Each structure stands twice: as structure tokens, then as C-alpha cells.
Amino acid sequence: MPGSASISRMPAMHLRRRPRGLTLIELLLFVVVVGVALSALLQVFVAATQASADPMIRRQQLAIAESLLREVELMPFTWCDPTDTKVATAGSAADCATLPEASGPEAGQTRYGPSNFFNNVNDYAGFSMSGIRDVTNAAVAGLGGYGAAVDVTAAALDNVAAGAALKITVTVTAPDGSSLSLQGWRTRYAPNAPD
């Protein structure tokens, strides 16, 4: 019976020696599945990148809009043109000596001078430029494809008297056709010295 005992051990030893690892078919199937998954993931990233605005363009638009909005907000907002003799004392447009302030620039005024510059927030109403220029009318390098427009309109604010507040909207258009708008408000402090 020694022979029968050795025969019964043989199948158990055979099971322990089974080779481990992947077969060629399992490996190929794994490569195909991972390849398809990576391809789909890559397509999602490409679509997201193409649909998003170029961050550099967006930053440039924001810088241009902030700069122009600040320029407009720093202008005086008075009942009379700042060259009028009663600019500091006028409590209404009727109190002006000769030049009540109106929407849009007075004749001959321009953002670029050389001598008759915009001198009031209202002067910027309807202002636009194609290609960004500084206040000396020099083109700003690299910004020729951008455009900017300013809209100044009367606005109602909580406790501010009617006609004593303006809403300023600056819209900047980028070379890719996208636009960005910033808004600010300016209130009238008259009858006080122009600020």
C-alpha cells in the first residue's frame, strides 16, 4: 500500500505548483481598458480647456477695466463744469455762472488733450477706444486688439438725492471677442470744492 499513498499526494502537490501572474490575454485586456479610460479622460480635459477663456486674456481685460474705471471715478462730479466760477458753491445746475455740466464732453474736450482734457465724470459718457491708449494718446504695446467703452448714467442709490449719483460701466472687449464689464458708482458732493 505504499504505492497508493504516493498516488494520493501527487494531485495535492500539483495544485500548489500552479503558475501565478497574468496571461497574455488578461494583460492585453487590461491595456485596452486603461487606454480607453485615458482617452476619454483626455477628451474631457481638451474640451474643458477649449471652452474656458484664456486666463491671460481675462486678466488683461480686468486690468484695463479697473484702470479705466479708476480714472473715471477720480474725476470731479459737480453741477457746473470745473472751469465755471461757481463750481464750488453751486447747489444745482441753475446756480452755475455759465457752464452747467451735461452728459458727454463739452466741445473740444478729449481724454487725450493736449490742453482741453476731460474734467468731469460726465465727460466720459459714450467714450470708447479701439486699441488701448494711455492719456497721452500713445498706443499701449500688446493691447491693440482690445477695445474699451464707458457708459455713465444717472443712478438711484439708497439715501442719495435724485441726480446726485452716477453709475459708471466700463466694458472691455478682447481679441477673442469676449467681453468683461465692471461697474462703479460716483456721488456728487456739491456744493463743495471739486474733488
Protein backbone atom coordinates (compact mmCIF):
# COMPACT_ATOMS: atom_id res chain seq x y z
CA MET A 1 0.00 0.00 0.00
CA PRO A 2 2.90 2.29 -0.06
CA GLY A 3 2.20 2.90 -3.72
CA SER A 4 -1.37 4.08 -3.10
CA ALA A 5 -0.23 6.71 -0.58
CA SER A 6 2.17 8.26 -3.05
CA ILE A 7 -0.52 8.47 -5.71
CA SER A 8 -2.90 10.37 -3.43
CA ARG A 9 -0.21 13.01 -2.59
CA MET A 10 0.56 13.78 -6.18
CA PRO A 11 -2.60 15.75 -7.02
CA ALA A 12 -2.13 17.99 -3.93
CA MET A 13 1.45 18.85 -4.97
CA HIS A 14 0.28 19.61 -8.47
CA LEU A 15 -2.23 22.21 -7.18
CA ARG A 16 0.47 24.03 -5.19
CA ARG A 17 2.66 24.48 -8.25
CA ARG A 18 0.09 26.38 -10.29
CA PRO A 19 1.80 29.31 -12.05
CA ARG A 20 0.95 32.83 -10.83
CA GLY A 21 0.67 36.09 -12.83
CA LEU A 22 -1.31 37.36 -15.80
CA THR A 23 -1.92 35.58 -19.01
CA LEU A 24 -1.25 37.39 -22.26
CA ILE A 25 -4.97 37.80 -22.89
CA GLU A 26 -5.55 39.32 -19.43
CA LEU A 27 -2.67 41.74 -19.96
CA LEU A 28 -3.95 42.85 -23.38
CA LEU A 29 -7.46 43.32 -21.99
CA PHE A 30 -6.05 45.48 -19.16
CA VAL A 31 -4.11 47.66 -21.63
CA VAL A 32 -7.20 48.16 -23.81
CA VAL A 33 -9.43 49.12 -20.84
CA VAL A 34 -6.87 51.56 -19.41
CA GLY A 35 -6.25 53.03 -22.88
CA VAL A 36 -9.96 53.68 -23.45
CA ALA A 37 -10.32 55.24 -19.98
CA LEU A 38 -7.30 57.53 -20.51
CA SER A 39 -8.56 58.52 -23.94
CA ALA A 40 -11.96 59.52 -22.52
CA LEU A 41 -10.32 61.45 -19.68
CA LEU A 42 -8.05 63.29 -22.11
CA GLN A 43 -11.05 64.28 -24.25
CA VAL A 44 -12.74 65.79 -21.16
CA PHE A 45 -9.62 67.87 -20.40
CA VAL A 46 -9.33 69.04 -24.01
CA ALA A 47 -12.99 70.07 -24.13
CA ALA A 48 -12.71 71.94 -20.81
CA THR A 49 -9.57 73.75 -21.96
CA GLN A 50 -11.09 74.79 -25.28
CA ALA A 51 -14.28 76.05 -23.62
CA SER A 52 -12.55 78.13 -20.97
CA ALA A 53 -11.35 81.68 -21.59
CA ASP A 54 -7.65 82.20 -21.81
CA PRO A 55 -6.67 83.30 -18.29
CA MET A 56 -4.12 85.80 -19.61
CA ILE A 57 -6.74 87.48 -21.80
CA ARG A 58 -9.19 87.61 -18.88
CA ARG A 59 -6.56 89.13 -16.57
CA GLN A 60 -5.67 91.73 -19.19
CA GLN A 61 -9.33 92.65 -19.64
CA LEU A 62 -9.70 93.06 -15.89
CA ALA A 63 -6.57 95.23 -15.61
CA ILE A 64 -7.75 97.51 -18.45
CA ALA A 65 -11.28 97.80 -16.99
CA GLU A 66 -10.03 98.52 -13.47
CA SER A 67 -7.61 101.17 -14.73
CA LEU A 68 -10.20 102.97 -16.84
CA LEU A 69 -12.88 102.74 -14.13
CA ARG A 70 -10.47 104.23 -11.58
CA GLU A 71 -9.60 107.04 -14.00
CA VAL A 72 -13.29 107.95 -14.41
CA GLU A 73 -14.14 107.64 -10.70
CA LEU A 74 -11.33 110.02 -9.76
CA MET A 75 -12.80 112.84 -11.86
CA PRO A 76 -14.87 115.57 -10.15
CA PHE A 77 -18.65 115.21 -10.21
CA THR A 78 -20.09 118.71 -9.89
CA TRP A 79 -23.16 120.65 -11.02
CA CYS A 80 -21.03 123.03 -13.06
CA ASP A 81 -18.11 122.43 -15.35
CA PRO A 82 -14.94 122.60 -13.21
CA THR A 83 -13.89 125.74 -15.14
CA ASP A 84 -17.08 127.60 -14.06
CA THR A 85 -16.53 130.29 -11.41
CA LYS A 86 -19.35 128.94 -9.21
CA VAL A 87 -18.28 125.28 -9.33
CA ALA A 88 -17.58 125.18 -5.56
CA THR A 89 -20.83 126.85 -4.45
CA ALA A 90 -23.49 125.70 -6.92
CA GLY A 91 -26.26 123.62 -5.35
CA SER A 92 -27.91 122.88 -8.70
CA ALA A 93 -27.26 123.36 -12.43
CA ALA A 94 -29.22 126.62 -12.25
CA ASP A 95 -26.59 128.04 -9.87
CA CYS A 96 -23.79 127.76 -12.47
CA ALA A 97 -22.41 131.04 -13.84
CA THR A 98 -22.20 129.84 -17.43
CA LEU A 99 -21.38 126.16 -17.82
CA PRO A 100 -23.70 123.57 -16.24
CA GLU A 101 -22.27 120.06 -16.54
CA ALA A 102 -24.03 117.78 -19.03
CA SER A 103 -23.63 114.18 -20.11
CA GLY A 104 -20.76 113.79 -22.56
CA PRO A 105 -17.74 116.01 -23.13
CA GLU A 106 -18.02 119.72 -23.76
CA ALA A 107 -16.97 120.97 -27.20
CA GLY A 108 -13.28 120.40 -27.79
CA GLN A 109 -12.71 118.22 -24.72
CA THR A 110 -10.96 114.90 -25.11
CA ARG A 111 -9.37 112.29 -22.90
CA TYR A 112 -6.08 112.82 -24.69
CA GLY A 113 -5.63 116.62 -24.50
CA PRO A 114 -3.16 118.16 -25.23
CA SER A 115 -4.76 121.03 -23.36
CA ASN A 116 -8.54 120.54 -23.10
CA PHE A 117 -8.82 117.26 -21.17
CA PHE A 118 -11.96 115.63 -19.78
CA ASN A 119 -12.52 117.31 -16.41
CA ASN A 120 -15.70 115.69 -15.05
CA VAL A 121 -17.12 112.18 -14.67
CA ASN A 122 -19.89 113.07 -17.16
CA ASP A 123 -17.33 113.79 -19.88
CA TYR A 124 -16.66 110.05 -20.20
CA ALA A 125 -20.27 109.23 -21.15
CA GLY A 126 -20.12 107.43 -24.51
CA PHE A 127 -16.30 107.34 -24.61
CA SER A 128 -14.76 104.37 -26.45
CA MET A 129 -11.43 103.34 -27.88
CA SER A 130 -10.32 100.64 -30.24
CA GLY A 131 -6.85 99.59 -29.21
CA ILE A 132 -5.91 100.63 -25.70
CA ARG A 133 -4.29 104.08 -25.44
CA ASP A 134 -2.89 105.96 -22.47
CA VAL A 135 -3.90 109.55 -21.60
CA THR A 136 -1.26 110.94 -23.97
CA ASN A 137 -2.95 109.04 -26.84
CA ALA A 138 0.01 106.66 -27.17
CA ALA A 139 -0.90 103.08 -28.04
CA VAL A 140 -0.12 100.64 -25.23
CA ALA A 141 2.11 97.89 -26.61
CA GLY A 142 0.43 94.50 -26.95
CA LEU A 143 -3.10 95.83 -26.39
CA GLY A 144 -4.01 96.82 -29.94
CA GLY A 145 -6.60 94.03 -30.21
CA TYR A 146 -8.54 95.17 -27.15
CA GLY A 147 -11.28 97.78 -27.05
CA ALA A 148 -12.94 99.69 -24.21
CA ALA A 149 -16.18 101.63 -23.81
CA VAL A 150 -17.53 103.74 -20.95
CA ASP A 151 -21.18 104.29 -20.11
CA VAL A 152 -22.14 106.90 -17.49
CA THR A 153 -25.80 107.06 -16.45
CA ALA A 154 -27.80 108.58 -13.60
CA ALA A 155 -28.39 106.03 -10.86
CA ALA A 156 -30.56 105.80 -7.78
CA LEU A 157 -28.76 104.89 -4.58
CA ASP A 158 -30.33 104.34 -1.15
CA ASN A 159 -30.25 107.74 0.57
CA VAL A 160 -28.60 109.79 -2.16
CA ALA A 161 -30.70 112.58 -3.64
CA ALA A 162 -32.00 112.12 -7.18
CA GLY A 163 -29.45 113.22 -9.76
CA ALA A 164 -26.60 113.04 -7.25
CA ALA A 165 -25.28 109.60 -8.22
CA LEU A 166 -23.87 108.13 -11.42
CA LYS A 167 -23.34 104.52 -12.40
CA ILE A 168 -20.15 104.03 -14.43
CA THR A 169 -19.87 100.89 -16.56
CA VAL A 170 -16.60 100.04 -18.30
CA THR A 171 -16.73 97.25 -20.87
CA VAL A 172 -13.53 95.78 -22.31
CA THR A 173 -13.58 93.57 -25.42
CA ALA A 174 -10.71 91.15 -26.04
CA PRO A 175 -9.24 89.98 -29.35
CA ASP A 176 -11.12 86.68 -28.98
CA GLY A 177 -14.46 88.56 -28.86
CA SER A 178 -15.12 88.01 -25.16
CA SER A 179 -16.09 91.00 -23.05
CA LEU A 180 -15.82 91.93 -19.40
CA SER A 181 -17.74 94.71 -17.64
CA LEU A 182 -17.01 96.46 -14.35
CA GLN A 183 -19.34 98.91 -12.63
CA GLY A 184 -18.73 101.66 -10.13
CA TRP A 185 -20.74 104.50 -8.64
CA ARG A 186 -19.86 108.13 -8.10
CA THR A 187 -21.84 110.53 -5.92
CA ARG A 188 -21.96 114.32 -6.08
CA TYR A 189 -20.56 116.22 -3.10
CA ALA A 190 -21.63 119.71 -4.30
CA PRO A 191 -21.85 122.42 -3.14
CA ASN A 192 -18.25 121.76 -2.16
CA ALA A 193 -14.92 122.32 -3.79
CA PRO A 194 -14.49 119.99 -6.79
CA ASP A 195 -12.77 116.77 -5.80
